[in-house]
Structure formats: structure tokens, C-alpha cells
N, C-alpha and C. Protein backbone atom coordinates (compact mmCIF):
# COMPACT_ATOMS: atom_id res chain seq x y z
N THR A 1 96.78 108.08 75.88
CA THR A 1 97.45 106.99 75.74
C THR A 1 97.65 105.77 76.11
N PHE A 2 98.01 104.76 75.47
CA PHE A 2 98.32 103.49 76.29
C PHE A 2 99.01 103.66 77.49
N ALA A 3 100.08 104.42 77.63
CA ALA A 3 100.74 104.54 78.58
C ALA A 3 100.09 105.04 79.83
N ALA A 4 99.35 106.18 79.94
CA ALA A 4 98.64 106.63 80.68
C ALA A 4 97.52 105.66 81.21
N VAL A 5 96.78 105.17 80.50
CA VAL A 5 95.93 104.10 80.98
C VAL A 5 96.38 102.72 81.79
N ALA A 6 97.99 102.09 81.20
CA ALA A 6 97.93 101.44 81.57
C ALA A 6 98.58 101.77 83.24
N PHE A 7 99.55 103.05 83.33
CA PHE A 7 99.51 103.73 84.57
C PHE A 7 98.37 103.81 85.36
N GLY A 8 97.40 104.28 85.03
CA GLY A 8 96.20 104.41 85.80
C GLY A 8 95.72 103.01 86.32
N ILE A 9 95.51 102.16 85.47
CA ILE A 9 95.01 100.79 86.09
C ILE A 9 96.22 100.23 86.96
N GLY A 10 97.63 100.59 86.72
CA GLY A 10 98.07 100.35 87.77
C GLY A 10 98.03 100.30 88.98
N LEU A 11 97.92 101.71 89.06
CA LEU A 11 97.92 102.76 90.36
C LEU A 11 96.51 101.92 90.93
N LEU A 12 95.13 101.54 90.34
CA LEU A 12 94.24 101.23 91.02
C LEU A 12 94.23 99.88 91.12
N THR A 13 94.92 99.16 90.76
CA THR A 13 95.21 97.77 91.39
C THR A 13 96.36 98.04 92.35
N SER A 14 96.97 98.54 92.53
CA SER A 14 97.79 98.51 93.83
C SER A 14 97.13 99.41 94.75
N GLY A 15 96.11 100.03 94.64
CA GLY A 15 95.22 100.62 96.00
C GLY A 15 94.35 99.89 96.36
N LEU A 16 94.02 99.14 95.68
CA LEU A 16 92.84 97.50 96.14
C LEU A 16 93.64 96.92 96.65
N SER A 17 95.10 96.31 96.38
CA SER A 17 95.55 95.28 96.83
C SER A 17 96.20 95.94 98.34
N SER A 18 96.25 97.24 98.14
CA SER A 18 97.22 97.56 99.84
C SER A 18 95.69 97.65 100.60
N SER A 19 94.42 98.07 100.27
CA SER A 19 93.80 98.23 101.20
C SER A 19 92.78 96.75 101.56
N THR A 20 92.98 95.69 100.58
CA THR A 20 92.97 94.26 101.03
C THR A 20 93.76 93.76 102.14
N THR A 21 95.10 94.29 101.80
CA THR A 21 96.33 93.62 102.74
C THR A 21 95.84 94.63 103.96
N GLY A 22 95.94 95.63 104.13
CA GLY A 22 95.75 95.94 105.43
C GLY A 22 94.39 95.87 106.04
N THR A 23 93.24 95.40 105.56
CA THR A 23 91.88 94.88 105.96
C THR A 23 92.34 93.87 106.84
N LEU A 24 93.00 93.08 105.77
CA LEU A 24 93.71 91.44 106.53
C LEU A 24 94.56 91.52 107.55
N ALA A 25 95.17 91.97 107.53
CA ALA A 25 96.28 92.25 108.49
C ALA A 25 95.84 92.79 109.96
N GLY A 26 94.85 93.82 110.00
CA GLY A 26 94.31 94.27 111.13
C GLY A 26 93.09 93.62 111.65
N GLN A 27 92.78 92.97 110.94
CA GLN A 27 91.94 91.43 111.47
C GLN A 27 92.60 90.29 111.88
N ILE A 28 93.86 90.46 111.55
CA ILE A 28 94.29 88.98 112.11
C ILE A 28 95.26 89.69 113.49
N VAL A 29 96.04 91.12 113.36
CA VAL A 29 96.35 91.52 114.50
C VAL A 29 95.75 91.78 115.54
N LEU A 30 94.36 91.83 115.45
CA LEU A 30 93.22 92.18 116.43
C LEU A 30 93.03 90.45 116.57
N GLN A 31 92.65 89.54 116.09
CA GLN A 31 92.26 88.14 116.28
C GLN A 31 93.57 87.88 117.16
N GLY A 32 94.68 87.86 116.86
CA GLY A 32 95.81 87.52 117.35
C GLY A 32 96.12 87.98 118.98
N PHE A 33 95.83 89.42 119.23
CA PHE A 33 96.14 89.96 120.32
C PHE A 33 94.83 89.93 121.31
N LEU A 34 94.12 90.32 120.54
CA LEU A 34 92.57 90.26 121.69
C LEU A 34 92.16 88.90 121.90
N GLY A 35 92.23 88.19 120.66
CA GLY A 35 91.24 87.09 120.74
C GLY A 35 89.61 87.38 120.05
N LYS A 36 90.01 88.10 119.40
CA LYS A 36 88.23 88.40 118.66
C LYS A 36 88.14 88.44 117.43
N HIS A 37 86.97 88.04 116.91
CA HIS A 37 87.18 87.81 115.32
C HIS A 37 85.97 88.90 115.14
N VAL A 38 86.45 89.33 114.35
CA VAL A 38 85.53 90.38 113.42
C VAL A 38 85.38 90.69 111.89
N GLU A 39 83.90 90.49 111.78
CA GLU A 39 83.63 89.86 110.40
C GLU A 39 84.67 91.15 109.40
N ILE A 40 85.23 90.00 107.89
CA ILE A 40 85.51 91.01 106.84
C ILE A 40 84.86 91.93 106.49
N TRP A 41 83.44 92.26 106.44
CA TRP A 41 82.71 93.31 106.04
C TRP A 41 82.64 94.53 106.75
N ILE A 42 82.95 94.32 108.37
CA ILE A 42 82.82 95.47 109.41
C ILE A 42 84.27 96.11 109.02
N TRP A 43 85.51 95.62 108.86
CA TRP A 43 86.49 95.90 108.68
C TRP A 43 86.78 96.68 107.26
N ARG A 44 85.69 96.11 106.20
CA ARG A 44 85.91 97.07 104.99
C ARG A 44 85.05 98.30 105.39
N LEU A 45 83.70 98.51 106.37
CA LEU A 45 82.87 99.49 106.37
C LEU A 45 84.12 100.76 107.36
N ILE A 46 84.97 99.90 108.33
CA ILE A 46 85.85 101.05 109.21
C ILE A 46 86.81 101.70 107.99
N THR A 47 87.29 101.02 106.57
CA THR A 47 88.45 101.45 105.68
C THR A 47 87.40 102.33 105.04
N ILE A 48 86.31 101.68 104.41
CA ILE A 48 85.53 102.95 103.36
C ILE A 48 85.09 104.00 103.96
N VAL A 49 84.26 103.90 105.09
CA VAL A 49 83.43 104.93 105.38
C VAL A 49 84.27 106.48 105.76
N PRO A 50 85.46 106.18 106.16
CA PRO A 50 86.61 107.36 106.50
C PRO A 50 86.64 108.10 104.75
N ALA A 51 87.13 107.35 103.84
CA ALA A 51 87.26 107.69 102.43
C ALA A 51 85.90 108.39 101.94
N LEU A 52 85.08 107.78 102.20
CA LEU A 52 83.81 108.48 101.79
C LEU A 52 83.37 109.88 102.18
N LEU A 53 83.82 109.99 103.44
CA LEU A 53 83.52 111.35 103.97
C LEU A 53 83.98 112.56 103.97
N VAL A 54 85.65 111.52 103.38
CA VAL A 54 86.63 112.60 102.94
C VAL A 54 85.64 113.17 101.84
N ILE A 55 85.18 112.30 100.42
CA ILE A 55 84.52 112.72 99.49
C ILE A 55 83.65 113.33 99.61
N ALA A 56 82.77 113.04 100.46
CA ALA A 56 81.29 114.29 100.41
C ALA A 56 81.85 115.46 101.37
N LEU A 57 82.78 115.26 102.21
CA LEU A 57 82.85 116.78 102.85
C LEU A 57 83.86 117.85 101.74
N ASN A 58 84.14 117.08 100.77
CA ASN A 58 84.94 117.74 99.67
C ASN A 58 86.41 118.43 100.69
N ILE A 59 87.13 117.76 101.01
CA ILE A 59 88.47 118.08 101.84
C ILE A 59 89.07 118.25 100.60
N PRO A 60 90.08 119.40 100.74
CA PRO A 60 91.23 118.98 100.10
C PRO A 60 92.30 118.10 99.84
N SER A 61 92.88 117.46 99.01
CA SER A 61 93.40 116.45 98.89
C SER A 61 94.46 116.75 99.90
N VAL A 62 95.54 117.58 99.35
CA VAL A 62 96.66 118.13 100.37
C VAL A 62 96.31 117.96 101.64
N GLU A 63 95.07 118.67 102.42
CA GLU A 63 94.47 118.46 103.55
C GLU A 63 94.92 117.16 104.20
N VAL A 64 94.27 116.31 103.56
CA VAL A 64 93.96 114.63 104.10
C VAL A 64 95.36 113.95 104.26
N LEU A 65 96.19 114.54 103.09
CA LEU A 65 97.41 113.93 103.02
C LEU A 65 98.27 114.38 104.32
N VAL A 66 97.90 115.45 104.86
CA VAL A 66 99.17 116.22 105.85
C VAL A 66 98.24 115.76 107.12
N ILE A 67 97.08 115.43 107.19
CA ILE A 67 96.74 114.79 108.56
C ILE A 67 96.61 113.38 108.62
N SER A 68 97.20 112.78 107.41
CA SER A 68 96.92 111.03 107.60
C SER A 68 98.36 110.68 107.77
N GLN A 69 99.16 111.65 107.23
CA GLN A 69 100.84 111.73 107.66
C GLN A 69 101.35 111.77 109.15
N ALA A 70 100.22 112.67 109.73
CA ALA A 70 100.50 113.32 111.07
C ALA A 70 100.08 112.23 112.06
N ILE A 71 99.12 111.28 111.72
CA ILE A 71 98.33 110.48 112.47
C ILE A 71 99.34 109.03 112.43
N LEU A 72 99.92 108.71 111.13
CA LEU A 72 100.73 107.69 111.27
C LEU A 72 102.01 108.03 111.79
N SER A 73 102.38 109.08 111.82
CA SER A 73 103.88 109.52 112.76
C SER A 73 103.68 109.08 114.00
N LEU A 74 102.09 109.26 114.87
CA LEU A 74 102.16 109.18 115.79
C LEU A 74 101.50 107.93 116.45
N GLN A 75 101.59 106.88 115.44
CA GLN A 75 101.26 105.48 115.38
C GLN A 75 102.74 104.88 115.84
N LEU A 76 103.79 105.36 114.62
CA LEU A 76 104.97 104.83 115.17
C LEU A 76 105.61 105.09 116.14
């Protein structure tokens, strides 16, 4: 249905927006605090490679979610 397709497109675009924002924020923080410039394609690799590993290793999505939330709780 149209609603399902619209919702899927919304999820896809919000995920892309979030990934872009996180990548740029990480670069700005690293550049501001350490005075080092890292190319944008390196940041993209850093964010894409773990996702591809999860897909390639066929790790259950619930397990990935629990691990990611545990890591986030340690960072806060």
C-alpha cells in the first residue's frame, strides 16, 4: 500500500540523515579537540564497515541492538 511505501521511504531517509549527521559530528569533534582532519571517506568507512560485518556474519538484529545499547550506555 501507499502508506507502507511512504513509511519505508521515511525510515530510509531518516537513517541516511542520521548517518550523515553522526559522521560529520564525529569529524567536527575530532578536528576541534585534537586539531586533526580526517577525510570524510575514512569516516564513512568507519561507520559502514561494522554494519557490513554484522550483515556478513548474520548476527541476529536483537543481539546487535542489545550490544549497541550497552556500548552507548558506557559512553554516556
